[in-house]
């Protein structure tokens, strides 16, 4: 049997970059901080390459940053299963892989992050599938969940970003700005034009940084342009908008730390915005029956539980507007008026959440406990 230091992670890319973003960060952390040998199985190298530029899409197997990356499909043949396998976000392991798994295989279904109360009760539950046991691992914001994905040196690295700001902006072909800086990463259905209009009519100059992606047509429409390209700079009243490249994960982390307000979406950028310690507006992935709104409010209720009433109300108001069809100027202006208090509160929350055990470490502890209990039987 292979060493239990060998883990397989399966990633099916169904939600733009969130799935691969989380899996790639997790794979690197498990290797770098826990000395595990990781094979990351990805079903779409072309999408993954945008986050992992070193990927060669012509190769079925390759090693990048000491992580073995393998293309997989439902009918891919596997010689054997690793002692620990992570099935990310219920992606469904291929039948040919399941056939190689043993009753002793630690099978972990890594679920999506949520702040909803039921997560505490469902975390670490298991179910049987024939002779196999499938464990359900829920990331979360409380001690009773699987924790949050966070490298051990994350906050220390973020604290060094202010000194690195000039190099960061220079790398993007930009000069540092003393004006309010906003990063904008969202799904295309967001009320983008009304947000940009509110920024343009702000009482202070604003620099907005938009990574190239699916929202550029909406941004182009706002400025009356047929299209936009990386490197474009556009101006309207108090708004200066820069179209920047789609960044690597490290580059995006730096952008979040350099900006004063971050608009983020999904899961990966949401978590990184938390660790940046800056005020952010989160757009959850759109779901039927308003499920995404329930997830949003569960998070807001938990994250802002200790926040003073006025900045808390401003945060709720702008979050709710961002999920609707319009961002009123009043919602944006009120948020800016409470920004100093929100900055202080977000820093406190970031530091408090960082005191909890991180997701990768909890996964290792969880798997070791299962292996130990199995060998003792």
Protein backbone atom coordinates (compact mmCIF):
# COMPACT_ATOMS: atom_id res chain seq x y z
CA UNK A 1 0.00 0.00 0.00
CA UNK A 2 1.21 3.51 -0.82
CA UNK A 3 2.34 5.78 1.98
CA UNK A 4 -0.47 7.69 3.67
CA UNK A 5 1.61 10.78 2.81
CA UNK A 6 0.21 10.42 -0.72
CA UNK A 7 -3.09 12.20 -1.37
CA UNK A 8 -5.17 12.51 -4.54
CA UNK A 9 -7.39 15.58 -5.10
CA UNK A 10 -10.10 15.57 -7.78
CA UNK A 11 -11.28 18.88 -9.22
CA UNK A 12 -14.09 19.32 -11.72
CA UNK A 13 -14.20 22.90 -12.98
CA UNK A 14 -17.87 23.88 -13.05
CA UNK A 15 -17.88 27.34 -11.44
CA UNK A 16 -15.48 29.45 -13.45
CA UNK A 17 -12.30 29.62 -11.31
CA UNK A 18 -13.57 28.90 -7.79
CA UNK A 19 -13.14 25.13 -7.87
CA UNK A 20 -9.63 25.10 -9.30
CA UNK A 21 -8.65 28.14 -7.23
CA UNK A 22 -9.43 26.38 -3.96
CA UNK A 23 -7.98 23.02 -5.07
CA UNK A 24 -4.71 24.51 -6.31
CA UNK A 25 -4.15 26.51 -3.13
CA UNK A 26 -5.01 23.46 -1.01
CA UNK A 27 -2.70 21.17 -2.98
CA UNK A 28 0.23 23.57 -2.59
CA UNK A 29 -0.37 24.04 1.13
CA UNK A 30 -0.68 20.32 1.82
CA UNK A 31 2.65 19.76 0.08
CA UNK A 32 4.53 22.80 1.39
CA UNK A 33 3.35 22.78 5.01
CA UNK A 34 2.48 19.12 5.62
CA UNK A 35 5.04 17.40 3.36
CA UNK A 36 2.41 15.43 1.47
CA UNK A 37 2.79 14.06 -2.04
CA UNK A 38 -0.16 15.45 -3.98
CA UNK A 39 -1.68 14.39 -7.28
CA UNK A 40 -4.23 16.94 -8.49
CA UNK A 41 -6.65 15.57 -11.07
CA UNK A 42 -8.22 18.31 -13.23
CA UNK A 43 -10.85 17.84 -15.92
CA UNK A 44 -10.23 21.13 -17.80
CA UNK A 45 -6.62 22.26 -18.22
CA UNK A 46 -7.59 25.20 -20.44
CA UNK A 47 -9.52 26.96 -17.67
CA UNK A 48 -6.97 25.89 -15.04
CA UNK A 49 -4.16 27.43 -17.10
CA UNK A 50 -5.54 30.92 -16.43
CA UNK A 51 -4.77 30.43 -12.73
CA UNK A 52 -1.75 28.16 -13.25
CA UNK A 53 0.03 29.71 -16.26
CA UNK A 54 2.77 27.06 -16.26
CA UNK A 55 0.30 24.33 -17.32
CA UNK A 56 1.00 22.75 -20.72
CA UNK A 57 -2.45 21.85 -22.04
CA UNK A 58 -0.96 19.27 -24.42
CA UNK A 59 0.30 17.08 -21.56
CA UNK A 60 -1.81 14.45 -19.82
CA UNK A 61 0.50 14.56 -16.79
CA UNK A 62 2.98 17.17 -15.55
CA UNK A 63 4.56 18.44 -12.35
CA UNK A 64 4.23 22.11 -11.37
CA UNK A 65 5.52 23.46 -8.04
CA UNK A 66 5.98 19.85 -6.90
CA UNK A 67 2.30 19.05 -7.53
CA UNK A 68 1.56 16.27 -10.01
CA UNK A 69 -1.24 17.50 -12.29
CA UNK A 70 -3.16 14.87 -14.27
CA UNK A 71 -6.05 15.24 -16.72
CA UNK A 72 -9.05 13.07 -15.84
CA UNK A 73 -12.32 12.06 -17.43
CA UNK A 74 -15.06 9.64 -16.43
CA UNK A 75 -13.40 6.77 -18.30
CA UNK A 76 -9.80 7.48 -17.27
CA UNK A 77 -8.00 4.36 -16.09
CA UNK A 78 -6.30 4.47 -12.68
CA UNK A 79 -3.73 1.93 -11.42
CA UNK A 80 -4.66 2.45 -7.75
CA UNK A 81 -6.21 4.93 -5.35
CA UNK A 82 -4.20 7.00 -2.89
CA UNK A 83 -4.66 6.25 0.82
CA UNK A 84 -6.42 9.64 1.11
CA UNK A 85 -8.59 11.05 -1.67
CA UNK A 86 -10.35 14.41 -1.69
CA UNK A 87 -13.43 14.69 -3.86
CA UNK A 88 -13.82 18.45 -4.13
CA UNK A 89 -17.28 19.99 -4.16
CA UNK A 90 -19.14 16.72 -4.81
CA UNK A 91 -17.48 16.38 -8.22
CA UNK A 92 -18.17 12.60 -8.25
CA UNK A 93 -15.13 10.36 -8.46
CA UNK A 94 -14.83 8.44 -11.74
CA UNK A 95 -16.09 4.83 -11.50
CA UNK A 96 -12.69 3.52 -12.62
CA UNK A 97 -11.08 5.25 -9.64
CA UNK A 98 -13.74 4.08 -7.19
CA UNK A 99 -13.03 0.52 -8.31
CA UNK A 100 -9.43 0.83 -7.06
CA UNK A 101 -10.39 2.14 -3.61
CA UNK A 102 -10.17 -0.07 -0.52
CA UNK A 103 -12.33 -0.02 2.64
CA UNK A 104 -9.35 1.62 4.35
CA UNK A 105 -9.20 4.48 1.83
CA UNK A 106 -9.95 7.83 3.49
CA UNK A 107 -12.54 9.33 1.15
CA UNK A 108 -13.28 12.99 1.90
CA UNK A 109 -15.89 15.03 0.09
CA UNK A 110 -14.74 18.64 0.52
CA UNK A 111 -17.86 20.79 0.47
CA UNK A 112 -18.42 24.46 -0.40
CA UNK A 113 -17.80 27.11 2.22
CA UNK A 114 -20.85 28.42 4.06
CA UNK A 115 -21.58 30.35 7.24
CA UNK A 116 -25.02 28.79 7.66
CA UNK A 117 -25.77 27.35 11.08
CA UNK A 118 -26.43 23.79 9.91
CA UNK A 119 -22.80 23.41 8.78
CA UNK A 120 -21.63 22.80 12.36
CA UNK A 121 -23.96 19.79 12.66
CA UNK A 122 -23.21 18.23 9.27
CA UNK A 123 -19.43 18.67 9.33
CA UNK A 124 -17.50 15.36 9.58
CA UNK A 125 -20.57 13.18 9.05
CA UNK A 126 -20.15 10.10 6.90
CA UNK A 127 -22.14 7.67 4.76
CA UNK A 128 -21.48 4.19 3.39
CA UNK A 129 -21.21 3.30 -0.28
CA UNK A 130 -20.79 -0.44 -0.35
CA UNK A 131 -17.61 -1.24 1.57
CA UNK A 132 -16.40 2.37 1.25
CA UNK A 133 -17.00 5.24 3.67
CA UNK A 134 -17.46 8.78 2.39
CA UNK A 135 -16.74 11.60 4.86
CA UNK A 136 -18.27 15.06 4.42
CA UNK A 137 -15.93 17.90 5.30
CA UNK A 138 -17.43 21.38 5.54
CA UNK A 139 -15.22 24.48 5.60
CA UNK A 140 -16.62 27.17 7.86
CA UNK A 141 -16.14 30.08 10.22
CA UNK A 142 -16.53 28.36 13.60
CA UNK A 143 -14.38 25.94 15.59
CA UNK A 144 -16.89 23.15 14.95
CA UNK A 145 -16.38 23.25 11.16
CA UNK A 146 -13.50 22.41 8.83
CA UNK A 147 -12.05 25.92 9.04
CA UNK A 148 -10.86 28.30 6.33
CA UNK A 149 -8.16 27.81 3.72
CA UNK A 150 -5.18 29.85 4.94
CA UNK A 151 -1.45 29.36 4.56
CA UNK A 152 0.40 29.71 7.86
CA UNK A 153 2.42 32.73 6.68
CA UNK A 154 -0.55 34.43 5.00
CA UNK A 155 -1.08 37.35 7.37
CA UNK A 156 2.66 37.95 7.70
CA UNK A 157 2.95 38.17 3.92
CA UNK A 158 -0.01 40.53 3.74
CA UNK A 159 1.59 42.83 6.29
CA UNK A 160 4.56 43.25 3.94
CA UNK A 161 2.41 44.34 0.98
CA UNK A 162 2.35 48.10 1.79
CA UNK A 163 6.12 48.26 1.28
CA UNK A 164 5.74 46.29 -1.96
CA UNK A 165 2.95 48.44 -3.41
CA UNK A 166 5.14 50.45 -5.82
CA UNK A 167 6.51 47.24 -7.35
CA UNK A 168 3.00 45.76 -7.60
CA UNK A 169 1.61 48.71 -9.54
CA UNK A 170 4.74 48.94 -11.67
CA UNK A 171 4.31 45.27 -12.59
CA UNK A 172 0.84 46.15 -13.88
CA UNK A 173 2.19 49.08 -15.86
CA UNK A 174 0.57 51.57 -13.48
CA UNK A 175 1.78 54.28 -11.15
CA UNK A 176 0.77 54.23 -7.45
CA UNK A 177 -2.29 56.34 -6.67
CA UNK A 178 -3.11 58.19 -3.48
CA UNK A 179 -6.83 58.05 -4.32
CA UNK A 180 -9.30 55.45 -3.08
CA UNK A 181 -8.54 52.12 -4.75
CA UNK A 182 -11.24 49.55 -5.56
CA UNK A 183 -10.83 46.09 -7.15
CA UNK A 184 -13.81 44.73 -9.07
CA UNK A 185 -14.23 40.97 -9.67
CA UNK A 186 -17.81 39.79 -10.02
CA UNK A 187 -20.28 37.74 -12.06
CA UNK A 188 -21.67 39.39 -15.22
CA UNK A 189 -25.24 39.63 -13.87
CA UNK A 190 -24.21 42.11 -11.17
CA UNK A 191 -25.52 45.72 -11.51
CA UNK A 192 -22.14 46.86 -12.77
CA UNK A 193 -23.21 50.02 -14.59
CA UNK A 194 -25.00 51.45 -11.55
CA UNK A 195 -21.98 50.74 -9.33
CA UNK A 196 -19.65 52.47 -11.79
CA UNK A 197 -22.09 55.38 -12.01
CA UNK A 198 -22.10 55.70 -8.22
CA UNK A 199 -18.29 55.64 -8.21
CA UNK A 200 -18.17 58.29 -10.95
CA UNK A 201 -20.44 60.55 -8.92
CA UNK A 202 -18.52 60.03 -5.67
CA UNK A 203 -17.31 63.07 -3.77
CA UNK A 204 -13.72 61.77 -4.00
CA UNK A 205 -11.53 60.44 -6.84
CA UNK A 206 -11.62 56.65 -7.22
CA UNK A 207 -9.31 54.26 -9.07
CA UNK A 208 -11.05 51.01 -10.01
CA UNK A 209 -9.05 47.96 -11.15
CA UNK A 210 -10.83 45.34 -13.25
CA UNK A 211 -9.05 42.07 -14.17
CA UNK A 212 -9.81 41.06 -17.77
CA UNK A 213 -12.72 38.64 -17.83
CA UNK A 214 -16.42 38.14 -18.41
CA UNK A 215 -17.55 41.56 -17.11
CA UNK A 216 -15.57 43.64 -19.62
CA UNK A 217 -18.51 43.94 -22.07
CA UNK A 218 -20.63 45.51 -19.29
CA UNK A 219 -17.81 47.88 -18.36
CA UNK A 220 -17.34 48.80 -22.03
CA UNK A 221 -21.07 49.56 -22.34
CA UNK A 222 -20.90 51.93 -19.38
CA UNK A 223 -18.13 53.93 -21.02
CA UNK A 224 -19.76 53.77 -24.46
CA UNK A 225 -16.97 51.65 -25.93
CA UNK A 226 -17.40 48.71 -28.34
CA UNK A 227 -14.82 46.67 -26.41
CA UNK A 228 -12.05 46.94 -23.85
CA UNK A 229 -8.56 45.50 -23.68
CA UNK A 230 -5.85 44.96 -21.08
CA UNK A 231 -4.05 48.24 -20.44
CA UNK A 232 -7.03 50.47 -21.21
CA UNK A 233 -7.68 53.39 -18.86
CA UNK A 234 -11.06 55.12 -18.90
CA UNK A 235 -12.33 58.19 -17.11
CA UNK A 236 -15.75 59.48 -16.15
CA UNK A 237 -16.13 62.27 -13.59
CA UNK A 238 -14.38 61.07 -10.39
CA UNK A 239 -13.84 57.52 -11.66
CA UNK A 240 -10.66 56.25 -13.32
CA UNK A 241 -10.93 52.62 -14.37
CA UNK A 242 -7.96 50.43 -15.31
CA UNK A 243 -8.32 47.13 -17.19
CA UNK A 244 -5.58 44.87 -15.85
CA UNK A 245 -4.57 41.31 -16.79
CA UNK A 246 -6.28 38.31 -15.24
CA UNK A 247 -3.85 37.74 -12.38
CA UNK A 248 -2.15 34.70 -10.93
CA UNK A 249 -3.28 33.82 -7.41
CA UNK A 250 -0.26 35.54 -5.85
CA UNK A 251 -0.82 38.61 -8.01
CA UNK A 252 -4.50 38.74 -7.10
CA UNK A 253 -3.71 38.41 -3.40
CA UNK A 254 -1.43 41.43 -3.76
CA UNK A 255 -4.13 43.41 -5.56
CA UNK A 256 -6.60 42.72 -2.72
CA UNK A 257 -4.06 43.85 -0.13
CA UNK A 258 -3.25 47.03 -2.11
CA UNK A 259 -6.86 48.16 -2.55
CA UNK A 260 -9.12 49.90 -0.03
CA UNK A 261 -12.33 48.09 -1.06
CA UNK A 262 -12.59 44.74 -2.84
CA UNK A 263 -15.57 43.37 -4.75
CA UNK A 264 -15.22 39.57 -4.80
CA UNK A 265 -17.29 36.58 -5.83
CA UNK A 266 -17.75 32.84 -5.33
CA UNK A 267 -15.39 31.17 -2.89
CA UNK A 268 -11.68 31.56 -3.63
CA UNK A 269 -11.60 35.36 -3.98
CA UNK A 270 -14.02 35.65 -1.03
CA UNK A 271 -11.63 33.82 1.29
CA UNK A 272 -8.66 35.83 0.05
CA UNK A 273 -10.53 39.08 0.62
CA UNK A 274 -11.02 38.05 4.24
CA UNK A 275 -7.28 37.51 4.68
CA UNK A 276 -6.49 40.83 2.98
CA UNK A 277 -8.09 42.47 6.00
CA UNK A 278 -9.80 45.15 3.90
CA UNK A 279 -13.50 45.99 3.55
CA UNK A 280 -15.05 43.85 0.81
CA UNK A 281 -18.38 43.21 -0.88
CA UNK A 282 -19.11 39.54 -1.60
CA UNK A 283 -21.25 38.27 -4.46
CA UNK A 284 -22.22 34.62 -3.89
CA UNK A 285 -22.73 32.29 -6.82
CA UNK A 286 -26.27 32.66 -8.18
CA UNK A 287 -28.60 29.83 -7.13
CA UNK A 288 -32.27 29.01 -7.53
CA UNK A 289 -34.88 29.81 -4.89
CA UNK A 290 -32.73 32.66 -3.57
CA UNK A 291 -30.43 30.17 -1.83
CA UNK A 292 -27.47 32.46 -2.48
CA UNK A 293 -29.18 35.28 -0.57
CA UNK A 294 -29.62 33.00 2.44
CA UNK A 295 -25.90 32.18 2.28
CA UNK A 296 -25.03 35.86 2.02
CA UNK A 297 -27.12 36.86 5.01
CA UNK A 298 -25.81 33.96 7.09
CA UNK A 299 -22.30 35.24 6.43
CA UNK A 300 -23.17 38.88 7.09
CA UNK A 301 -24.89 37.96 10.37
CA UNK A 302 -21.83 36.02 11.52
CA UNK A 303 -19.09 38.32 10.23
CA UNK A 304 -20.67 41.60 11.38
CA UNK A 305 -22.10 40.28 14.65
CA UNK A 306 -19.88 42.56 16.76
CA UNK A 307 -19.80 45.52 14.36
CA UNK A 308 -21.15 48.91 15.53
CA UNK A 309 -24.66 49.61 14.15
CA UNK A 310 -23.88 52.38 11.63
CA UNK A 311 -21.05 50.68 9.66
CA UNK A 312 -22.88 47.36 9.95
CA UNK A 313 -25.98 48.87 8.34
CA UNK A 314 -23.86 50.37 5.55
CA UNK A 315 -22.26 46.99 4.85
CA UNK A 316 -25.64 45.21 4.73
CA UNK A 317 -27.12 47.92 2.50
CA UNK A 318 -24.36 47.77 -0.11
CA UNK A 319 -24.23 43.97 -0.08
CA UNK A 320 -27.98 43.75 -0.64
CA UNK A 321 -27.88 46.36 -3.40
CA UNK A 322 -25.08 44.45 -5.14
CA UNK A 323 -27.31 41.35 -5.30
CA UNK A 324 -30.21 43.35 -6.80
CA UNK A 325 -30.64 45.23 -10.07
CA UNK A 326 -29.27 48.57 -8.94
CA UNK A 327 -26.68 50.11 -6.63
CA UNK A 328 -28.09 53.49 -5.49
CA UNK A 329 -25.63 56.33 -5.05
CA UNK A 330 -26.81 56.58 -1.44
CA UNK A 331 -25.75 52.99 -0.67
CA UNK A 332 -22.27 53.60 -2.11
CA UNK A 333 -21.85 56.99 -0.43
CA UNK A 334 -22.97 55.65 2.95
CA UNK A 335 -20.43 52.83 2.67
CA UNK A 336 -17.65 55.30 1.89
CA UNK A 337 -18.69 57.48 4.83
CA UNK A 338 -18.31 54.47 7.16
CA UNK A 339 -15.12 53.19 5.54
CA UNK A 340 -12.74 54.12 8.37
CA UNK A 341 -14.83 52.19 10.91
CA UNK A 342 -15.23 49.28 8.48
CA UNK A 343 -11.46 49.10 7.91
CA UNK A 344 -10.83 48.81 11.65
CA UNK A 345 -13.55 46.17 12.05
CA UNK A 346 -12.35 44.05 9.11
CA UNK A 347 -8.83 44.02 10.53
CA UNK A 348 -10.14 42.75 13.86
CA UNK A 349 -12.23 40.05 12.18
CA UNK A 350 -9.34 38.90 10.01
CA UNK A 351 -7.07 38.53 13.02
CA UNK A 352 -9.78 36.72 15.01
CA UNK A 353 -10.48 34.20 12.23
CA UNK A 354 -6.75 33.62 11.79
CA UNK A 355 -6.60 32.29 15.36
CA UNK A 356 -8.62 29.25 14.29
CA UNK A 357 -6.99 26.12 12.86
CA UNK A 358 -6.85 26.33 9.07
CA UNK A 359 -8.60 24.02 6.62
CA UNK A 360 -5.53 22.12 5.38
CA UNK A 361 -4.34 21.38 8.91
CA UNK A 362 -7.81 20.21 9.94
CA UNK A 363 -7.94 17.91 6.90
CA UNK A 364 -4.62 16.34 7.90
CA UNK A 365 -5.72 15.88 11.52
CA UNK A 366 -9.06 14.43 10.36
CA UNK A 367 -7.46 11.93 7.97
CA UNK A 368 -4.85 10.82 10.51
CA UNK A 369 -7.59 10.18 13.06
CA UNK A 370 -9.49 8.00 10.60
CA UNK A 371 -6.35 6.07 9.59
CA UNK A 372 -5.48 5.49 13.24
CA UNK A 373 -8.97 4.26 14.10
CA UNK A 374 -8.90 1.90 11.09
CA UNK A 375 -5.53 0.36 11.94
CA UNK A 376 -6.54 -0.16 15.57
CA UNK A 377 -9.57 -2.29 14.64
